[in-house]
Amino acid sequence: MFRKLTRTKQQLSHAQCVEILHKELRGVLSVMGDADYPYAFPINFYYDEAEHRIYFHSGKVGYKLDAIARNNKVSFCVYDSGYRKDNHWSLNIQSVIIFGKVHIVENWSRERMVAFCKRFTDDMAYINREIEQFQKNTLVLCLDIEHMTGKLVNEA
């Protein structure tokens, strides 16, 4: 169902994809928006390697949720900051593309909320304040990964 990479020599291993998902803080989530126009937006995320799922947080209303309610199939792209080879203009980046279906998580444990927040800070006082302040108005979305591939993009 999902296409294979054309440039197989540039394909990243599963372990390299996982490393990028653990290291990078944000990606671009793409949903099917109004009138079948794609809608893509940057978003922070938490990758649960044991479950092989991606988690996002969201407000309880908005365009992205309307789009997901109509069609929960999404793609998600994460890429690193890249590097340049000596004396060369081109930027080489590693990217991971994920396809899957998103659903709302009904029972999100405090432990998972803390794990999500710890991707950004270890300040537990701050994390506890944020959870207490925003938990009631926050939804957690789960992306069940159906297909994941990674690639070294070399512009040259």
Protein backbone atom coordinates (compact mmCIF):
# COMPACT_ATOMS: atom_id res chain seq x y z
CA MET A 1 0.00 0.00 0.00
CA PHE A 2 2.82 2.44 0.81
CA ARG A 3 5.41 3.23 -1.82
CA LYS A 4 8.99 2.14 -1.46
CA LEU A 5 11.76 4.70 -1.46
CA THR A 6 13.10 5.38 -4.96
CA ARG A 7 16.63 6.28 -3.86
CA THR A 8 17.28 3.25 -1.69
CA LYS A 9 20.95 4.20 -1.16
CA GLN A 10 19.74 7.23 0.80
CA GLN A 11 17.33 5.25 2.97
CA LEU A 12 17.85 5.45 6.72
CA SER A 13 17.67 2.40 8.94
CA HIS A 14 14.86 1.96 11.44
CA ALA A 15 17.34 2.75 14.23
CA GLN A 16 18.32 6.02 12.53
CA CYS A 17 14.65 6.98 12.19
CA VAL A 18 14.06 6.27 15.87
CA GLU A 19 17.11 8.37 16.80
CA ILE A 20 15.71 11.34 14.88
CA LEU A 21 12.30 10.94 16.54
CA HIS A 22 13.94 10.98 19.97
CA LYS A 23 16.29 13.88 19.20
CA GLU A 24 14.11 16.36 17.32
CA LEU A 25 11.42 18.29 19.16
CA ARG A 26 9.07 19.29 16.34
CA GLY A 27 7.70 17.97 13.11
CA VAL A 28 5.09 18.86 10.51
CA LEU A 29 1.72 17.13 10.75
CA SER A 30 -0.37 17.03 7.58
CA VAL A 31 -4.10 16.44 7.58
CA MET A 32 -6.73 16.61 4.88
CA GLY A 33 -8.26 20.07 5.31
CA ASP A 34 -11.32 21.76 3.88
CA ALA A 35 -12.25 21.03 0.27
CA ASP A 36 -9.58 18.28 0.19
CA TYR A 37 -6.70 20.74 0.46
CA PRO A 38 -3.84 19.43 2.58
CA TYR A 39 -3.20 21.35 5.78
CA ALA A 40 0.29 21.04 7.27
CA PHE A 41 1.50 22.68 10.46
CA PRO A 42 4.49 22.47 12.81
CA ILE A 43 3.82 20.71 16.09
CA ASN A 44 5.80 19.31 18.99
CA PHE A 45 5.49 15.61 19.73
CA TYR A 46 6.43 12.70 21.93
CA TYR A 47 7.55 9.40 20.38
CA ASP A 48 6.79 6.33 22.49
CA GLU A 49 9.21 3.77 21.13
CA ALA A 50 7.73 0.86 23.11
CA GLU A 51 4.27 1.50 21.67
CA HIS A 52 5.59 2.72 18.29
CA ARG A 53 3.24 5.70 18.49
CA ILE A 54 3.51 9.47 18.27
CA TYR A 55 1.64 11.70 20.71
CA PHE A 56 0.64 15.34 20.24
CA HIS A 57 -1.21 17.78 22.44
CA SER A 58 -3.89 20.12 21.20
CA GLY A 59 -6.60 22.49 22.24
CA LYS A 60 -10.09 21.01 22.32
CA VAL A 61 -11.39 22.84 19.24
CA GLY A 62 -9.93 23.99 15.96
CA TYR A 63 -9.26 23.36 12.31
CA LYS A 64 -6.91 20.41 12.82
CA LEU A 65 -9.46 18.58 14.97
CA ASP A 66 -12.23 19.25 12.45
CA ALA A 67 -10.01 17.84 9.70
CA ILE A 68 -9.07 14.76 11.74
CA ALA A 69 -12.74 14.13 12.56
CA ARG A 70 -13.49 14.01 8.81
CA ASN A 71 -10.43 11.94 7.88
CA ASN A 72 -8.03 10.60 10.47
CA LYS A 73 -5.34 9.54 7.97
CA VAL A 74 -2.29 11.77 8.34
CA SER A 75 1.35 12.08 7.45
CA PHE A 76 4.00 13.39 9.80
CA CYS A 77 7.46 14.61 8.83
CA VAL A 78 10.39 15.17 11.17
CA TYR A 79 13.79 16.35 9.99
CA ASP A 80 17.06 17.34 11.57
CA SER A 81 18.95 20.63 11.15
CA GLY A 82 21.26 19.08 8.59
CA TYR A 83 24.88 19.62 7.73
CA ARG A 84 27.00 20.91 4.88
CA LYS A 85 30.01 19.11 3.48
CA ASP A 86 33.22 21.16 3.46
CA ASN A 87 33.20 23.86 0.78
CA HIS A 88 29.79 22.83 -0.54
CA TRP A 89 26.57 24.84 -0.71
CA SER A 90 24.08 22.01 -0.39
CA LEU A 91 22.38 21.09 2.85
CA ASN A 92 22.09 17.41 3.76
CA ILE A 93 19.19 16.57 6.04
CA GLN A 94 17.85 13.38 7.49
CA SER A 95 14.09 13.12 7.45
CA VAL A 96 11.50 10.67 8.69
CA ILE A 97 8.08 10.38 7.06
CA ILE A 98 5.30 8.62 8.94
CA PHE A 99 1.85 7.61 7.75
CA GLY A 100 -0.91 6.52 10.06
CA LYS A 101 -4.20 7.28 11.72
CA VAL A 102 -4.80 9.73 14.56
CA HIS A 103 -7.27 9.33 17.39
CA ILE A 104 -8.02 11.19 20.61
CA VAL A 105 -6.60 9.59 23.76
CA GLU A 106 -9.35 9.36 26.34
CA ASN A 107 -7.29 8.54 29.43
CA TRP A 108 -3.91 10.23 29.39
CA SER A 109 -1.94 9.47 32.53
CA ARG A 110 -0.04 12.10 34.46
CA GLU A 111 3.09 9.97 34.02
CA ARG A 112 2.81 10.32 30.25
CA MET A 113 2.14 14.04 30.50
CA VAL A 114 5.32 14.42 32.50
CA ALA A 115 7.29 12.31 30.00
CA PHE A 116 5.99 14.51 27.16
CA CYS A 117 6.95 17.70 29.02
CA LYS A 118 10.41 16.37 29.89
CA ARG A 119 11.30 16.47 26.20
CA PHE A 120 11.44 20.24 26.65
CA THR A 121 12.50 20.82 30.26
CA ASP A 122 13.47 18.98 33.45
CA ASP A 123 12.01 21.72 35.66
CA MET A 124 9.41 19.69 37.57
CA ALA A 125 7.89 22.74 39.26
CA TYR A 126 7.24 24.25 35.82
CA ILE A 127 5.92 20.94 34.44
CA ASN A 128 3.53 20.50 37.36
CA ARG A 129 2.24 24.08 37.00
CA GLU A 130 1.69 23.62 33.25
CA ILE A 131 -0.19 20.35 33.72
CA GLU A 132 -2.39 21.81 36.46
CA GLN A 133 -3.11 24.97 34.47
CA PHE A 134 -3.77 23.48 31.03
CA GLN A 135 -4.85 19.86 31.55
CA LYS A 136 -8.59 20.65 31.49
CA ASN A 137 -8.34 22.42 28.13
CA THR A 138 -5.93 20.02 26.45
CA LEU A 139 -6.54 17.01 24.24
CA VAL A 140 -3.93 14.38 23.56
CA LEU A 141 -3.81 12.89 20.09
CA CYS A 142 -2.19 9.57 19.24
CA LEU A 143 -0.77 8.70 15.84
CA ASP A 144 -0.78 4.94 15.30
CA ILE A 145 2.15 4.46 12.95
CA GLU A 146 1.32 2.32 9.93
CA HIS A 147 4.40 3.10 7.83
CA MET A 148 7.67 4.85 8.61
CA THR A 149 10.61 5.54 6.38
CA GLY A 150 13.66 7.75 6.60
CA LYS A 151 15.93 9.30 4.06
CA LEU A 152 19.13 11.32 3.79
CA VAL A 153 18.17 14.21 1.53
CA ASN A 154 21.20 15.46 -0.38
CA GLU A 155 20.50 18.54 -2.51
CA ALA A 156 23.60 18.13 -4.66
